[in-house]
Amino acid sequence: MVNVVLGIVEKDDKILLIQRERGDFIGLWGIPGGKVEECEHIDEAVKREMLEEIGIDMKYEKLLGFCTEIMHDKNSTSLIYVCLLKIDNDDIINNAEFNYKWFTKQEIIDSKDLIESDKVFIEKFYISNDENYLKMDCYRDDNGNYYWK
């Protein structure tokens, strides 16, 4: 079982997303985050991942929700913790080393270039705030594309 943290960051009514450069969802936009390391609390893990993925120091606010996700093509289960973070300072540096941008909530809902599970997390845990736990099953079709049930 893998533990994963994702960090939702809002500023000026927009949400920060990164474009994936490796892994299963290359080229798609998603919530920044990554794996929890051995003997690491989720609040520490999400802060570390944000620094690694976008180069910005953040403050952990709270846990928005979590998900058990089964990747059936890999026979693996992940526990995914979706956290709310705040930027420690107002100075957002545009760093060419990191590929991130700010999306409005409507752009997220309308986008076809977002990781589908991340879109669900944002909609359920953050925008509508009507869920705090989800079960998701991820499959791959014959063309290698992921889809969730």
Protein backbone atom coordinates (compact mmCIF):
# COMPACT_ATOMS: atom_id res chain seq x y z
CA MET A 1 0.00 0.00 0.00
CA VAL A 2 1.24 3.46 -0.91
CA ASN A 3 0.45 6.64 1.02
CA VAL A 4 0.17 9.76 -1.14
CA VAL A 5 -0.35 13.43 -0.22
CA LEU A 6 -1.80 16.10 -2.51
CA GLY A 7 -1.82 19.80 -1.70
CA ILE A 8 -4.58 22.17 -2.79
CA VAL A 9 -3.40 25.78 -2.74
CA GLU A 10 -5.74 28.70 -3.43
CA LYS A 11 -4.84 32.31 -4.09
CA ASP A 12 -7.11 35.01 -5.51
CA ASP A 13 -9.87 32.40 -6.04
CA LYS A 14 -7.61 30.23 -8.22
CA ILE A 15 -6.05 26.83 -7.55
CA LEU A 16 -2.43 25.94 -8.25
CA LEU A 17 -1.84 22.89 -10.48
CA ILE A 18 1.28 21.36 -12.01
CA GLN A 19 1.80 19.70 -15.35
CA ARG A 20 3.03 16.13 -14.87
CA GLU A 21 6.40 15.42 -16.45
CA ARG A 22 6.78 11.80 -15.35
CA GLY A 23 4.71 8.86 -14.21
CA ASP A 24 1.38 7.72 -15.58
CA PHE A 25 -0.14 11.09 -16.47
CA ILE A 26 2.56 12.91 -18.44
CA GLY A 27 1.32 16.18 -19.93
CA LEU A 28 -1.83 16.38 -17.80
CA TRP A 29 -2.42 18.97 -15.08
CA GLY A 30 -2.90 17.82 -11.52
CA ILE A 31 -2.67 18.62 -7.85
CA PRO A 32 0.96 18.78 -6.68
CA GLY A 33 2.04 16.04 -4.30
CA GLY A 34 3.73 12.70 -3.95
CA LYS A 35 4.49 9.76 -1.71
CA VAL A 36 4.76 9.92 2.05
CA GLU A 37 8.20 8.76 3.18
CA GLU A 38 8.83 6.27 5.98
CA CYS A 39 8.27 7.81 9.45
CA GLU A 40 6.79 11.02 8.00
CA HIS A 41 3.53 12.68 9.03
CA ILE A 42 1.19 13.78 6.23
CA ASP A 43 1.45 17.47 7.14
CA GLU A 44 5.23 17.27 6.83
CA ALA A 45 5.07 15.16 3.66
CA VAL A 46 2.78 17.56 1.80
CA LYS A 47 4.94 20.56 2.70
CA ARG A 48 8.07 18.70 1.51
CA GLU A 49 6.38 17.62 -1.73
CA MET A 50 5.23 21.17 -2.48
CA LEU A 51 8.77 22.45 -2.01
CA GLU A 52 10.13 19.68 -4.27
CA GLU A 53 7.47 20.01 -6.97
CA ILE A 54 6.96 23.77 -7.20
CA GLY A 55 9.72 25.31 -5.10
CA ILE A 56 7.39 27.14 -2.72
CA ASP A 57 7.32 26.81 1.08
CA MET A 58 3.76 26.31 2.31
CA LYS A 59 1.88 26.14 5.57
CA TYR A 60 -0.31 23.10 6.22
CA GLU A 61 -3.89 24.14 7.07
CA LYS A 62 -6.02 20.98 7.23
CA LEU A 63 -6.98 17.63 5.76
CA LEU A 64 -9.81 18.09 3.24
CA GLY A 65 -10.45 14.41 2.55
CA PHE A 66 -8.93 11.09 1.66
CA CYS A 67 -9.42 8.37 -0.90
CA THR A 68 -8.64 4.71 -1.31
CA GLU A 69 -7.70 4.22 -4.94
CA ILE A 70 -7.15 0.81 -6.49
CA MET A 71 -5.07 0.79 -9.68
CA HIS A 72 -6.32 -2.48 -11.15
CA ASP A 73 -3.70 -2.69 -13.92
CA LYS A 74 -0.95 -2.56 -11.26
CA ASN A 75 -2.74 -4.51 -8.50
CA SER A 76 -1.97 -1.68 -6.09
CA THR A 77 -3.86 0.36 -3.53
CA SER A 78 -3.07 3.94 -2.56
CA LEU A 79 -4.33 5.95 0.36
CA ILE A 80 -4.51 9.52 -0.92
CA TYR A 81 -4.69 12.42 1.54
CA VAL A 82 -5.85 15.73 0.05
CA CYS A 83 -4.70 18.68 2.15
CA LEU A 84 -5.34 22.40 2.11
CA LEU A 85 -2.19 24.54 2.19
CA LYS A 86 -1.48 28.24 2.43
CA ILE A 87 1.44 30.08 0.91
CA ASP A 88 3.77 31.28 3.67
CA ASN A 89 4.42 34.55 1.87
CA ASP A 90 2.74 36.48 -0.91
CA ASP A 91 5.77 36.38 -3.19
CA ILE A 92 5.12 33.77 -5.85
CA ILE A 93 8.24 33.43 -7.92
CA ASN A 94 7.77 32.43 -11.53
CA ASN A 95 10.46 29.80 -11.69
CA ALA A 96 11.05 28.28 -15.13
CA GLU A 97 12.30 25.10 -13.42
CA PHE A 98 8.74 24.26 -12.35
CA ASN A 99 5.73 23.97 -14.66
CA TYR A 100 2.72 25.19 -12.70
CA LYS A 101 -0.12 27.64 -13.22
CA TRP A 102 -3.23 28.95 -11.53
CA PHE A 103 -6.68 27.73 -12.64
CA THR A 104 -10.10 29.13 -11.79
CA LYS A 105 -12.57 26.66 -10.37
CA GLN A 106 -14.57 26.82 -13.60
CA GLU A 107 -11.46 26.13 -15.71
CA ILE A 108 -10.85 23.04 -13.58
CA ILE A 109 -14.42 21.80 -14.00
CA ASP A 110 -14.33 22.41 -17.79
CA SER A 111 -10.79 21.16 -18.46
CA LYS A 112 -10.08 18.01 -20.47
CA ASP A 113 -6.34 18.24 -19.63
CA LEU A 114 -6.62 17.43 -15.91
CA ILE A 115 -6.04 14.08 -14.27
CA GLU A 116 -9.61 12.90 -13.84
CA SER A 117 -9.20 11.72 -10.24
CA ASP A 118 -7.61 15.05 -9.24
CA LYS A 119 -10.58 16.88 -10.78
CA VAL A 120 -12.92 14.75 -8.64
CA PHE A 121 -10.86 15.49 -5.51
CA ILE A 122 -11.03 19.24 -6.17
CA GLU A 123 -14.76 19.15 -6.88
CA LYS A 124 -15.77 16.89 -3.96
CA PHE A 125 -13.27 17.85 -1.24
CA TYR A 126 -12.77 21.54 -2.02
CA ILE A 127 -15.37 23.21 -4.27
CA SER A 128 -18.56 21.53 -3.04
CA ASN A 129 -16.99 20.26 0.19
CA ASP A 130 -19.67 17.55 0.35
CA GLU A 131 -17.40 14.53 0.80
CA ASN A 132 -14.44 13.67 2.98
CA TYR A 133 -13.89 10.08 1.80
CA LEU A 134 -14.00 8.54 -1.67
CA LYS A 135 -13.45 5.04 -3.03
CA MET A 136 -12.07 5.01 -6.56
CA ASP A 137 -11.23 2.15 -8.87
CA CYS A 138 -8.86 2.98 -11.71
CA TYR A 139 -8.73 0.89 -14.90
CA ARG A 140 -6.93 1.08 -18.22
CA ASP A 141 -8.71 0.65 -21.54
CA ASP A 142 -7.30 -1.16 -24.58
CA ASN A 143 -5.64 2.08 -25.77
CA GLY A 144 -3.77 2.52 -22.47
CA ASN A 145 -5.99 5.38 -21.24
CA TYR A 146 -7.00 5.51 -17.57
CA TYR A 147 -10.57 5.78 -16.39
CA TRP A 148 -12.18 5.70 -12.96
CA LYS A 149 -15.33 4.19 -11.48
